[in-house]
N, C-alpha and C. Protein backbone atom coordinates (compact mmCIF):
# COMPACT_ATOMS: atom_id res chain seq x y z
N MET A 1 -5.67 15.57 -37.51
CA MET A 1 -6.21 15.85 -36.28
C MET A 1 -7.51 15.37 -36.38
N ILE A 2 -8.13 16.24 -37.48
CA ILE A 2 -9.87 16.15 -37.74
C ILE A 2 -10.28 14.92 -38.09
N LEU A 3 -9.30 13.90 -38.68
CA LEU A 3 -9.58 12.89 -39.18
C LEU A 3 -9.46 11.91 -37.97
N LYS A 4 -8.74 11.74 -36.97
CA LYS A 4 -9.03 11.24 -36.25
C LYS A 4 -10.31 11.10 -34.93
N GLY A 5 -10.59 12.74 -35.26
CA GLY A 5 -12.06 12.83 -34.61
C GLY A 5 -12.88 12.01 -35.39
N PHE A 6 -13.22 12.29 -36.57
CA PHE A 6 -13.96 11.53 -37.68
C PHE A 6 -14.04 10.33 -37.22
N LYS A 7 -12.86 9.54 -37.11
CA LYS A 7 -12.97 8.07 -37.07
C LYS A 7 -13.15 7.57 -35.45
N GLU A 8 -13.30 8.59 -34.62
CA GLU A 8 -13.49 7.91 -33.09
C GLU A 8 -15.26 8.29 -33.14
N LYS A 9 -15.46 8.88 -33.78
CA LYS A 9 -17.26 9.17 -33.98
C LYS A 9 -17.32 8.24 -35.07
N SER A 10 -17.23 7.54 -35.62
CA SER A 10 -17.31 6.89 -36.64
C SER A 10 -17.36 5.22 -35.44
N ASN A 11 -16.53 5.11 -34.93
CA ASN A 11 -16.39 3.86 -33.67
C ASN A 11 -17.23 4.25 -33.11
N ARG A 12 -17.38 5.41 -32.35
CA ARG A 12 -18.57 5.43 -31.45
C ARG A 12 -19.61 5.17 -31.91
N LYS A 13 -20.23 5.25 -33.06
CA LYS A 13 -21.27 5.16 -33.39
C LYS A 13 -21.92 3.47 -33.82
N TYR A 14 -19.99 3.04 -34.27
CA TYR A 14 -20.48 1.26 -34.27
C TYR A 14 -20.78 1.11 -33.15
N LEU A 15 -19.91 1.24 -31.80
CA LEU A 15 -20.60 0.30 -30.44
C LEU A 15 -22.08 0.90 -30.31
N ASN A 16 -22.51 1.96 -30.34
CA ASN A 16 -23.86 2.16 -30.07
C ASN A 16 -24.64 1.06 -30.74
N LYS A 17 -24.53 1.00 -32.14
CA LYS A 17 -25.05 -0.07 -33.06
C LYS A 17 -24.98 -1.15 -32.40
N ILE A 18 -23.80 -2.09 -31.81
CA ILE A 18 -23.40 -3.35 -31.65
C ILE A 18 -24.43 -3.69 -30.36
N LEU A 19 -24.28 -2.26 -29.42
CA LEU A 19 -24.95 -2.37 -28.24
C LEU A 19 -26.41 -2.56 -28.50
N SER A 20 -26.71 -1.76 -28.83
CA SER A 20 -28.57 -1.93 -29.20
C SER A 20 -29.21 -3.03 -30.13
N ILE A 21 -28.30 -3.90 -30.45
CA ILE A 21 -28.53 -4.62 -31.11
C ILE A 21 -28.41 -5.97 -30.23
N ARG A 22 -27.88 -5.77 -29.60
CA ARG A 22 -27.02 -7.10 -28.68
C ARG A 22 -27.99 -7.84 -27.87
N ASN A 23 -27.82 -8.68 -28.06
CA ASN A 23 -29.13 -9.94 -27.07
C ASN A 23 -28.69 -10.41 -25.93
N ILE A 24 -29.13 -10.54 -24.98
CA ILE A 24 -28.79 -10.77 -23.84
C ILE A 24 -29.06 -12.10 -23.26
N ASN A 25 -28.63 -13.49 -23.37
CA ASN A 25 -29.03 -14.49 -23.03
C ASN A 25 -28.10 -15.38 -21.80
N VAL A 26 -28.84 -14.90 -20.84
CA VAL A 26 -27.93 -15.80 -19.70
C VAL A 26 -28.73 -17.07 -19.34
N ASN A 27 -27.72 -18.11 -19.48
CA ASN A 27 -28.40 -19.22 -19.45
C ASN A 27 -27.44 -20.02 -18.09
N ASP A 28 -27.26 -21.06 -18.29
CA ASP A 28 -26.59 -22.14 -16.63
C ASP A 28 -25.72 -23.13 -17.70
N LYS A 29 -25.23 -22.56 -19.30
CA LYS A 29 -24.16 -23.56 -19.59
C LYS A 29 -22.79 -23.10 -18.61
N ARG A 30 -21.99 -24.44 -18.42
CA ARG A 30 -20.97 -23.83 -17.48
C ARG A 30 -19.58 -22.99 -18.51
N ILE A 31 -18.66 -22.85 -17.34
CA ILE A 31 -17.75 -22.05 -18.30
C ILE A 31 -16.51 -22.79 -18.63
N ASN A 32 -16.18 -23.25 -19.93
CA ASN A 32 -15.15 -24.17 -19.94
C ASN A 32 -14.13 -23.77 -20.74
N SER A 33 -14.16 -22.30 -21.35
CA SER A 33 -13.05 -21.78 -21.89
C SER A 33 -13.47 -20.24 -21.67
N LEU A 34 -12.49 -19.41 -21.31
CA LEU A 34 -12.46 -17.99 -20.81
C LEU A 34 -11.58 -16.84 -21.75
N GLY A 35 -12.17 -15.65 -22.20
CA GLY A 35 -11.42 -15.11 -22.55
C GLY A 35 -10.96 -13.36 -21.66
N VAL A 36 -10.13 -13.07 -21.49
CA VAL A 36 -9.78 -12.21 -20.48
C VAL A 36 -9.59 -10.84 -21.43
N ILE A 37 -10.00 -9.47 -21.21
CA ILE A 37 -9.69 -8.32 -22.12
C ILE A 37 -8.81 -7.56 -20.81
N MET A 38 -8.14 -6.82 -21.06
CA MET A 38 -7.19 -5.97 -20.28
C MET A 38 -6.56 -4.96 -20.48
N HIS A 39 -6.57 -3.86 -19.41
CA HIS A 39 -5.45 -2.51 -20.27
C HIS A 39 -4.45 -2.44 -19.27
N ILE A 40 -3.07 -3.31 -20.24
CA ILE A 40 -1.88 -3.11 -19.54
C ILE A 40 -1.66 -2.09 -18.67
N ASP A 41 -1.92 -0.93 -18.69
CA ASP A 41 -1.67 0.34 -18.24
C ASP A 41 -2.03 0.53 -16.89
N GLU A 42 -2.93 -0.08 -16.59
CA GLU A 42 -3.62 -0.19 -15.23
C GLU A 42 -3.76 -1.58 -14.39
N ILE A 43 -2.99 -2.81 -15.25
CA ILE A 43 -2.31 -3.64 -14.38
C ILE A 43 -1.94 -4.71 -15.42
N ASP A 44 -1.05 -5.53 -15.05
CA ASP A 44 0.13 -5.98 -15.66
C ASP A 44 0.32 -7.36 -15.22
N ASP A 45 -0.75 -8.02 -14.08
CA ASP A 45 -0.10 -8.96 -13.75
C ASP A 45 -0.95 -10.21 -14.22
N PHE A 46 -0.65 -10.85 -15.10
CA PHE A 46 -1.03 -11.99 -16.13
C PHE A 46 -1.56 -13.08 -15.23
N GLU A 47 -0.35 -13.08 -14.71
CA GLU A 47 -0.21 -14.49 -13.80
C GLU A 47 -1.67 -14.46 -13.05
N LEU A 48 -2.66 -13.33 -12.59
CA LEU A 48 -3.23 -13.83 -11.77
C LEU A 48 -5.06 -14.09 -12.61
N PHE A 49 -4.78 -14.29 -13.72
CA PHE A 49 -5.87 -14.68 -14.54
C PHE A 49 -5.82 -16.45 -15.06
N ARG A 50 -4.34 -16.29 -15.18
CA ARG A 50 -3.90 -17.93 -15.51
C ARG A 50 -4.46 -18.80 -13.77
N THR A 51 -4.09 -17.85 -12.88
CA THR A 51 -4.20 -18.73 -11.48
C THR A 51 -5.99 -19.12 -11.54
N LEU A 52 -6.90 -17.64 -12.24
CA LEU A 52 -8.22 -17.70 -11.95
C LEU A 52 -8.73 -18.67 -12.83
N ALA A 53 -8.25 -18.81 -14.11
CA ALA A 53 -8.53 -20.04 -14.85
C ALA A 53 -8.76 -21.18 -14.46
N ALA A 54 -7.29 -21.71 -13.70
CA ALA A 54 -7.09 -22.46 -13.25
C ALA A 54 -7.86 -22.90 -11.83
N ASP A 55 -8.34 -21.90 -11.41
CA ASP A 55 -9.09 -22.31 -10.16
C ASP A 55 -10.76 -22.40 -10.67
N LEU A 56 -10.99 -22.04 -11.94
CA LEU A 56 -12.42 -21.95 -12.46
C LEU A 56 -12.13 -23.87 -13.38
N ASN A 57 -11.38 -24.47 -12.99
CA ASN A 57 -10.98 -25.69 -14.05
C ASN A 57 -10.63 -25.51 -15.34
N ILE A 58 -10.29 -24.39 -15.76
CA ILE A 58 -10.44 -24.24 -17.32
C ILE A 58 -9.25 -24.68 -17.65
N HIS A 59 -8.90 -25.46 -18.76
CA HIS A 59 -7.63 -26.00 -19.33
C HIS A 59 -6.91 -24.72 -19.54
N PRO A 60 -5.66 -24.56 -19.55
CA PRO A 60 -4.72 -24.00 -20.13
C PRO A 60 -4.56 -23.36 -21.61
N ASN A 61 -5.23 -24.52 -22.37
CA ASN A 61 -5.61 -24.38 -24.01
C ASN A 61 -6.99 -23.22 -24.16
N LYS A 62 -7.75 -23.42 -23.25
CA LYS A 62 -9.50 -22.48 -23.71
C LYS A 62 -9.29 -21.48 -22.36
N LEU A 63 -7.69 -21.01 -22.47
CA LEU A 63 -7.81 -19.63 -21.92
C LEU A 63 -6.83 -18.48 -22.82
N LYS A 64 -7.31 -17.10 -23.11
CA LYS A 64 -6.69 -16.59 -24.10
C LYS A 64 -6.75 -15.00 -23.32
N ILE A 65 -5.67 -14.32 -23.23
CA ILE A 65 -5.79 -13.05 -22.60
C ILE A 65 -5.21 -12.27 -23.73
N ILE A 66 -5.46 -11.08 -23.92
CA ILE A 66 -4.92 -9.57 -24.60
C ILE A 66 -5.23 -8.68 -23.95
N ALA A 67 -4.40 -7.73 -24.14
CA ALA A 67 -4.09 -6.54 -23.66
C ALA A 67 -4.02 -5.15 -24.23
N TYR A 68 -4.60 -3.96 -23.86
CA TYR A 68 -4.55 -2.60 -24.58
C TYR A 68 -3.91 -2.03 -24.00
N SER A 69 -3.20 -1.17 -24.90
CA SER A 69 -2.13 -0.20 -24.47
C SER A 69 -2.30 1.17 -25.21
N ASN A 70 -2.19 2.08 -24.33
CA ASN A 70 -2.18 3.51 -24.81
C ASN A 70 -1.10 4.07 -25.76
N VAL A 71 -0.12 3.45 -25.30
CA VAL A 71 1.30 3.57 -25.73
C VAL A 71 1.77 2.16 -26.80
N ILE A 72 2.63 2.62 -27.73
CA ILE A 72 2.92 1.39 -28.45
C ILE A 72 4.69 0.98 -27.86
N LYS A 73 4.81 -0.08 -27.21
CA LYS A 73 5.98 -0.32 -26.95
C LYS A 73 6.59 -1.71 -27.16
N GLU A 74 7.63 -1.95 -27.67
CA GLU A 74 8.16 -3.25 -27.93
C GLU A 74 8.07 -4.32 -27.53
N ASP A 75 8.34 -4.14 -25.74
CA ASP A 75 8.48 -5.12 -24.78
C ASP A 75 7.18 -5.89 -24.36
N TYR A 76 6.01 -4.92 -24.74
CA TYR A 76 4.40 -5.60 -24.67
C TYR A 76 4.52 -6.87 -25.10
N ASN A 77 5.09 -6.88 -26.36
CA ASN A 77 4.77 -7.80 -27.36
C ASN A 77 5.46 -9.41 -27.19
N SER A 78 6.01 -8.90 -25.99
CA SER A 78 6.76 -10.19 -25.48
C SER A 78 6.28 -11.41 -25.03
N TRP A 79 4.74 -11.43 -24.50
CA TRP A 79 4.33 -12.21 -23.93
C TRP A 79 3.65 -12.91 -24.65
N ASP A 80 1.96 -11.89 -25.05
CA ASP A 80 0.85 -13.10 -25.82
C ASP A 80 0.58 -11.60 -26.88
N MET A 81 -0.23 -11.13 -26.41
CA MET A 81 -0.90 -9.90 -27.39
C MET A 81 -0.93 -8.94 -27.02
N CYS A 82 -0.77 -7.56 -27.55
CA CYS A 82 -0.98 -6.33 -27.02
C CYS A 82 -1.49 -5.46 -28.24
N PHE A 83 -2.81 -4.69 -27.55
CA PHE A 83 -2.71 -4.02 -28.87
C PHE A 83 -3.14 -2.79 -28.68
N ASN A 84 -3.31 -1.61 -29.55
CA ASN A 84 -3.18 -0.27 -29.14
C ASN A 84 -4.17 0.07 -30.06
N ALA A 85 -4.38 1.75 -30.47
CA ALA A 85 -5.29 2.15 -30.79
C ALA A 85 -5.25 1.84 -32.74
N GLU A 86 -4.14 1.96 -32.84
CA GLU A 86 -3.78 1.33 -34.24
C GLU A 86 -4.29 0.31 -34.98
N ASP A 87 -4.46 -0.70 -34.31
CA ASP A 87 -5.42 -1.70 -34.65
C ASP A 87 -6.94 -1.84 -34.92
N PHE A 88 -7.09 -0.53 -34.64
CA PHE A 88 -8.39 -0.29 -35.26
C PHE A 88 -8.61 0.91 -36.36
N GLY A 89 -9.68 0.50 -37.10
CA GLY A 89 -9.84 1.49 -38.39
C GLY A 89 -10.93 2.22 -38.17
N TRP A 90 -11.92 2.55 -39.08
CA TRP A 90 -12.87 3.05 -38.74
C TRP A 90 -14.36 2.36 -39.02
N GLY A 91 -15.27 2.73 -38.75
CA GLY A 91 -16.62 2.20 -38.81
C GLY A 91 -16.35 0.67 -38.02
N GLY A 92 -15.42 0.61 -36.61
CA GLY A 92 -15.43 -0.93 -36.18
C GLY A 92 -14.73 -1.99 -36.86
N THR A 93 -13.57 -1.19 -38.02
CA THR A 93 -13.29 -2.73 -38.48
C THR A 93 -11.64 -2.87 -37.56
N ILE A 94 -11.40 -4.08 -37.55
CA ILE A 94 -10.42 -4.57 -37.26
C ILE A 94 -9.32 -4.32 -37.81
N LYS A 95 -8.11 -4.10 -37.93
CA LYS A 95 -6.83 -4.49 -38.81
C LYS A 95 -5.83 -5.09 -38.47
N ASN A 96 -6.44 -6.01 -37.09
CA ASN A 96 -5.40 -7.30 -36.65
C ASN A 96 -5.73 -8.57 -36.74
N VAL A 97 -5.01 -9.18 -37.58
CA VAL A 97 -5.74 -10.34 -37.73
C VAL A 97 -5.82 -11.51 -36.22
N GLU A 98 -5.22 -11.48 -35.81
CA GLU A 98 -5.44 -12.18 -34.33
C GLU A 98 -6.11 -11.43 -33.21
N LEU A 99 -6.07 -10.48 -33.45
CA LEU A 99 -7.05 -9.67 -32.74
C LEU A 99 -8.88 -9.80 -32.91
N LYS A 100 -8.74 -10.11 -34.49
CA LYS A 100 -9.71 -10.43 -35.06
C LYS A 100 -10.06 -12.04 -34.52
N THR A 101 -9.17 -12.91 -34.65
CA THR A 101 -9.46 -14.03 -34.43
C THR A 101 -9.68 -14.05 -32.80
N PHE A 102 -9.32 -13.48 -32.06
CA PHE A 102 -10.00 -13.31 -30.72
C PHE A 102 -11.32 -12.79 -30.69
N LEU A 103 -11.76 -12.16 -30.97
CA LEU A 103 -12.80 -11.43 -30.98
C LEU A 103 -14.15 -12.49 -31.64
N ASP A 104 -13.72 -12.96 -32.75
CA ASP A 104 -14.27 -14.28 -33.23
C ASP A 104 -14.59 -15.59 -32.89
N THR A 105 -13.82 -15.70 -31.46
CA THR A 105 -13.87 -16.81 -30.37
C THR A 105 -14.86 -16.75 -29.74
N GLU A 106 -16.13 -17.94 -29.73
CA GLU A 106 -16.73 -17.95 -28.78
C GLU A 106 -16.90 -18.85 -27.49
N PHE A 107 -15.97 -17.82 -26.74
CA PHE A 107 -15.33 -18.23 -25.44
C PHE A 107 -16.88 -17.82 -24.34
N ASP A 108 -17.00 -19.20 -23.51
CA ASP A 108 -17.96 -19.49 -22.86
C ASP A 108 -18.11 -18.29 -21.93
N ALA A 109 -17.15 -17.48 -21.47
CA ALA A 109 -17.40 -16.49 -20.55
C ALA A 109 -15.88 -15.25 -21.29
N LEU A 110 -16.30 -13.86 -20.77
CA LEU A 110 -15.29 -13.29 -20.79
C LEU A 110 -15.08 -11.85 -20.02
N ILE A 111 -13.90 -11.93 -19.90
CA ILE A 111 -13.62 -10.91 -18.63
C ILE A 111 -13.27 -9.62 -19.00
N SER A 112 -13.58 -8.76 -18.83
CA SER A 112 -12.83 -7.59 -19.08
C SER A 112 -12.75 -6.70 -17.71
N TYR A 113 -11.24 -6.66 -17.71
CA TYR A 113 -10.97 -6.01 -16.41
C TYR A 113 -10.14 -4.70 -16.48
N TYR A 114 -10.86 -3.76 -16.66
CA TYR A 114 -10.28 -2.34 -17.11
C TYR A 114 -11.08 -1.69 -16.59
N LEU A 115 -10.71 -0.42 -15.91
CA LEU A 115 -11.83 1.05 -15.39
C LEU A 115 -11.58 1.97 -16.48
N SER A 116 -10.76 2.14 -17.29
CA SER A 116 -10.31 3.47 -18.08
C SER A 116 -11.60 3.18 -18.99
N ASP A 117 -11.58 4.75 -19.43
CA ASP A 117 -12.93 4.75 -20.52
C ASP A 117 -12.48 4.81 -21.84
N GLU A 118 -12.25 4.10 -22.32
CA GLU A 118 -11.28 3.71 -23.76
C GLU A 118 -12.52 3.39 -24.38
N LEU A 119 -12.28 4.30 -25.72
CA LEU A 119 -13.09 3.75 -27.00
C LEU A 119 -12.91 2.46 -27.23
N GLU A 120 -11.61 2.11 -27.40
CA GLU A 120 -11.45 0.61 -28.11
C GLU A 120 -11.44 -0.51 -27.04
N LEU A 121 -11.38 -0.02 -25.48
CA LEU A 121 -11.63 -1.51 -25.01
C LEU A 121 -13.21 -1.85 -24.72
N LYS A 122 -14.33 -1.06 -24.98
CA LYS A 122 -15.68 -0.81 -25.11
C LYS A 122 -15.58 -1.56 -26.22
N MET A 123 -15.31 -1.58 -27.67
CA MET A 123 -15.13 -2.22 -28.56
C MET A 123 -14.77 -3.37 -28.78
N LEU A 124 -13.65 -3.48 -27.80
CA LEU A 124 -13.28 -5.18 -27.95
C LEU A 124 -14.34 -5.83 -27.08
N THR A 125 -14.58 -5.53 -25.89
CA THR A 125 -15.47 -6.23 -25.50
C THR A 125 -17.14 -6.61 -25.59
N ALA A 126 -17.56 -5.44 -26.91
CA ALA A 126 -19.01 -5.31 -27.42
C ALA A 126 -18.79 -6.06 -28.53
N MET A 127 -17.30 -6.34 -29.28
CA MET A 127 -17.84 -7.30 -30.34
C MET A 127 -17.12 -8.60 -30.23
N SER A 128 -16.91 -8.73 -29.09
CA SER A 128 -16.76 -10.52 -28.83
C SER A 128 -17.54 -11.19 -29.04
N GLN A 129 -17.49 -12.56 -29.65
CA GLN A 129 -18.57 -13.27 -29.67
C GLN A 129 -18.96 -14.10 -28.26
N SER A 130 -18.50 -13.70 -26.99
CA SER A 130 -18.50 -14.32 -25.90
C SER A 130 -20.03 -14.62 -25.68
N ALA A 131 -20.25 -15.81 -25.22
CA ALA A 131 -21.77 -16.01 -24.60
C ALA A 131 -21.97 -14.96 -23.38
N PHE A 132 -21.18 -14.67 -22.57
CA PHE A 132 -21.52 -14.66 -20.94
C PHE A 132 -20.30 -13.13 -20.78
N LYS A 133 -20.32 -11.98 -20.57
CA LYS A 133 -19.29 -10.82 -20.55
C LYS A 133 -19.25 -10.56 -19.02
N ILE A 134 -18.30 -10.47 -18.26
CA ILE A 134 -17.99 -10.31 -16.81
C ILE A 134 -17.36 -8.81 -16.87
N GLY A 135 -17.56 -7.96 -16.09
CA GLY A 135 -16.34 -7.18 -16.20
C GLY A 135 -16.40 -6.09 -14.77
N VAL A 136 -16.02 -4.79 -14.62
CA VAL A 136 -15.54 -4.20 -13.36
C VAL A 136 -16.37 -3.11 -14.06
N LEU A 137 -17.29 -2.53 -12.64
CA LEU A 137 -18.00 -1.49 -12.53
C LEU A 137 -17.55 -0.58 -13.85
N GLN A 138 -17.99 0.36 -14.99
CA GLN A 138 -17.76 1.29 -15.67
C GLN A 138 -18.70 2.21 -16.17
N THR A 139 -18.41 3.04 -16.96
CA THR A 139 -19.40 3.80 -17.07
C THR A 139 -20.44 3.71 -18.07
N ASP A 140 -20.10 2.63 -18.73
CA ASP A 140 -21.51 2.27 -19.80
C ASP A 140 -21.67 0.83 -19.09
N ASN A 141 -22.89 0.38 -18.29
CA ASN A 141 -23.48 -0.74 -18.15
C ASN A 141 -23.94 -1.60 -18.99
N ARG A 142 -23.93 -1.06 -20.33
CA ARG A 142 -24.58 -2.22 -21.32
C ARG A 142 -23.45 -3.26 -21.59
N ILE A 143 -22.53 -3.17 -21.62
CA ILE A 143 -21.23 -3.99 -22.32
C ILE A 143 -21.34 -5.18 -21.78
N ASN A 144 -21.47 -5.58 -20.33
CA ASN A 144 -21.71 -6.88 -19.72
C ASN A 144 -23.11 -7.74 -18.79
N ASP A 145 -22.91 -8.31 -18.47
CA ASP A 145 -23.52 -9.20 -18.31
C ASP A 145 -23.66 -9.35 -16.88
N LEU A 146 -22.56 -8.97 -16.57
CA LEU A 146 -22.49 -9.34 -14.95
C LEU A 146 -21.16 -8.28 -14.63
N ILE A 147 -21.43 -7.50 -13.29
CA ILE A 147 -20.65 -5.77 -13.45
C ILE A 147 -20.55 -6.49 -11.60
N ILE A 148 -18.95 -6.64 -11.26
CA ILE A 148 -18.91 -6.78 -10.11
C ILE A 148 -17.47 -5.49 -9.81
N LYS A 149 -18.54 -4.68 -8.80
CA LYS A 149 -17.88 -3.50 -8.59
C LYS A 149 -16.42 -3.83 -7.31
N SER A 150 -15.97 -3.40 -7.96
CA SER A 150 -13.85 -3.44 -7.19
C SER A 150 -13.18 -2.94 -7.87
N ASN A 151 -12.23 -2.93 -6.71
CA ASN A 151 -10.79 -2.07 -7.33
C ASN A 151 -10.46 -3.31 -8.14
N LEU A 152 -9.47 -2.55 -9.02
CA LEU A 152 -8.29 -3.13 -10.06
C LEU A 152 -7.30 -4.00 -8.78
N SER A 153 -6.69 -2.90 -7.86
CA SER A 153 -6.04 -3.78 -7.46
C SER A 153 -6.22 -4.55 -6.54
N GLU A 154 -7.92 -4.61 -6.22
CA GLU A 154 -8.11 -5.88 -5.18
C GLU A 154 -8.72 -7.21 -5.64
N PHE A 155 -7.71 -7.77 -6.70
CA PHE A 155 -8.11 -8.93 -7.44
C PHE A 155 -9.07 -10.24 -6.71
N SER A 156 -8.67 -10.48 -5.12
CA SER A 156 -8.69 -11.42 -4.36
C SER A 156 -10.43 -10.87 -4.17
N VAL A 157 -10.60 -9.74 -4.04
CA VAL A 157 -12.28 -9.25 -3.88
C VAL A 157 -12.94 -9.77 -5.25
N PHE A 158 -12.49 -9.50 -6.62
CA PHE A 158 -12.70 -9.44 -7.12
C PHE A 158 -13.59 -11.00 -7.81
N LYS A 159 -12.22 -11.83 -7.30
CA LYS A 159 -11.94 -13.22 -7.62
C LYS A 159 -13.34 -13.81 -6.51
N LYS A 160 -13.58 -13.72 -5.35
CA LYS A 160 -14.80 -13.85 -4.75
C LYS A 160 -15.94 -14.08 -4.72
N GLU A 161 -16.19 -12.85 -5.52
CA GLU A 161 -17.73 -11.91 -5.84
C GLU A 161 -17.63 -13.20 -7.32
N LEU A 162 -16.53 -13.04 -8.30
CA LEU A 162 -16.85 -13.71 -9.09
C LEU A 162 -17.53 -15.40 -8.95
N PHE A 163 -16.89 -16.16 -8.06
CA PHE A 163 -17.08 -17.21 -7.66
C PHE A 163 -18.19 -17.06 -7.07
N LYS A 164 -18.85 -16.35 -6.32
CA LYS A 164 -19.77 -16.45 -5.61
C LYS A 164 -21.06 -16.28 -6.93
N TYR A 165 -20.87 -15.08 -7.50
CA TYR A 165 -22.19 -15.01 -8.81
C TYR A 165 -22.38 -16.12 -9.79
N LEU A 166 -20.96 -16.81 -10.17
CA LEU A 166 -20.97 -17.79 -11.02
C LEU A 166 -21.58 -19.34 -10.67
N THR A 167 -21.29 -19.22 -8.99
CA THR A 167 -22.20 -20.42 -8.66
C THR A 167 -23.45 -20.21 -8.43
N ILE A 168 -23.75 -19.26 -8.55
CA ILE A 168 -25.32 -18.91 -7.97
C ILE A 168 -26.23 -19.16 -9.38
N LEU A 169 -25.66 -18.43 -10.34
CA LEU A 169 -25.87 -18.43 -12.16
C LEU A 169 -26.00 -20.06 -12.55
N LYS A 170 -25.16 -21.36 -11.32
CA LYS A 170 -24.89 -22.15 -12.50
C LYS A 170 -23.83 -22.25 -13.39
N LYS A 171 -23.09 -21.71 -13.82
CA LYS A 171 -21.90 -21.71 -14.56
C LYS A 171 -20.73 -22.61 -13.66
N ILE A 172 -20.11 -22.33 -12.54
CA ILE A 172 -19.37 -23.37 -12.15
C ILE A 172 -20.23 -24.01 -11.07
N LYS A 173 -19.30 -25.17 -10.23
CA LYS A 173 -19.65 -26.22 -9.18
C LYS A 173 -19.23 -25.42 -8.28
N ASN A 174 -19.53 -25.20 -7.15
CA ASN A 174 -18.86 -24.92 -5.92
C ASN A 174 -17.99 -25.87 -5.34
N GLU A 175 -16.87 -25.67 -5.43
CA GLU A 175 -16.00 -26.96 -5.08
C GLU A 175 -15.02 -26.31 -3.96
N GLN A 176 -15.24 -25.11 -3.81
CA GLN A 176 -14.14 -24.63 -2.42
C GLN A 176 -14.39 -24.99 -1.01
């Protein structure tokens, strides 16, 4: 139990280090690839993001969705990639190769669709090599470049606001 506390403190320190050296560079590069990080215990409808990617004219092979869960369940592994706290080591190390590959992928945009204040979710978002990070309102506003305040259950509101701001930032063409 004591080691778990030290591990969490080590990872929290690593997260603060990443966020302190983060360079925010918002440009008008079009979004052609999309990564999604979600908390499967809060929302488990993956089709919402596949539909969103299609509406953004992102090819299915340029979309990658990962989920985090507080509990380990075998049936979560049946769809794509689901991770938990056991996939994280000390000092921000990632134990899972697939998760490391996701984090090293340079997506044009990353959507962090979760509200919970989980250290591992924050680390996933912060460690991602994505050029532009989008999220819902969370306790730490240093993590995302664009923050949209909406309820997780109101995905249509999130989607509408996302399209509005991406159009303003010239990251998509408004074709609707």
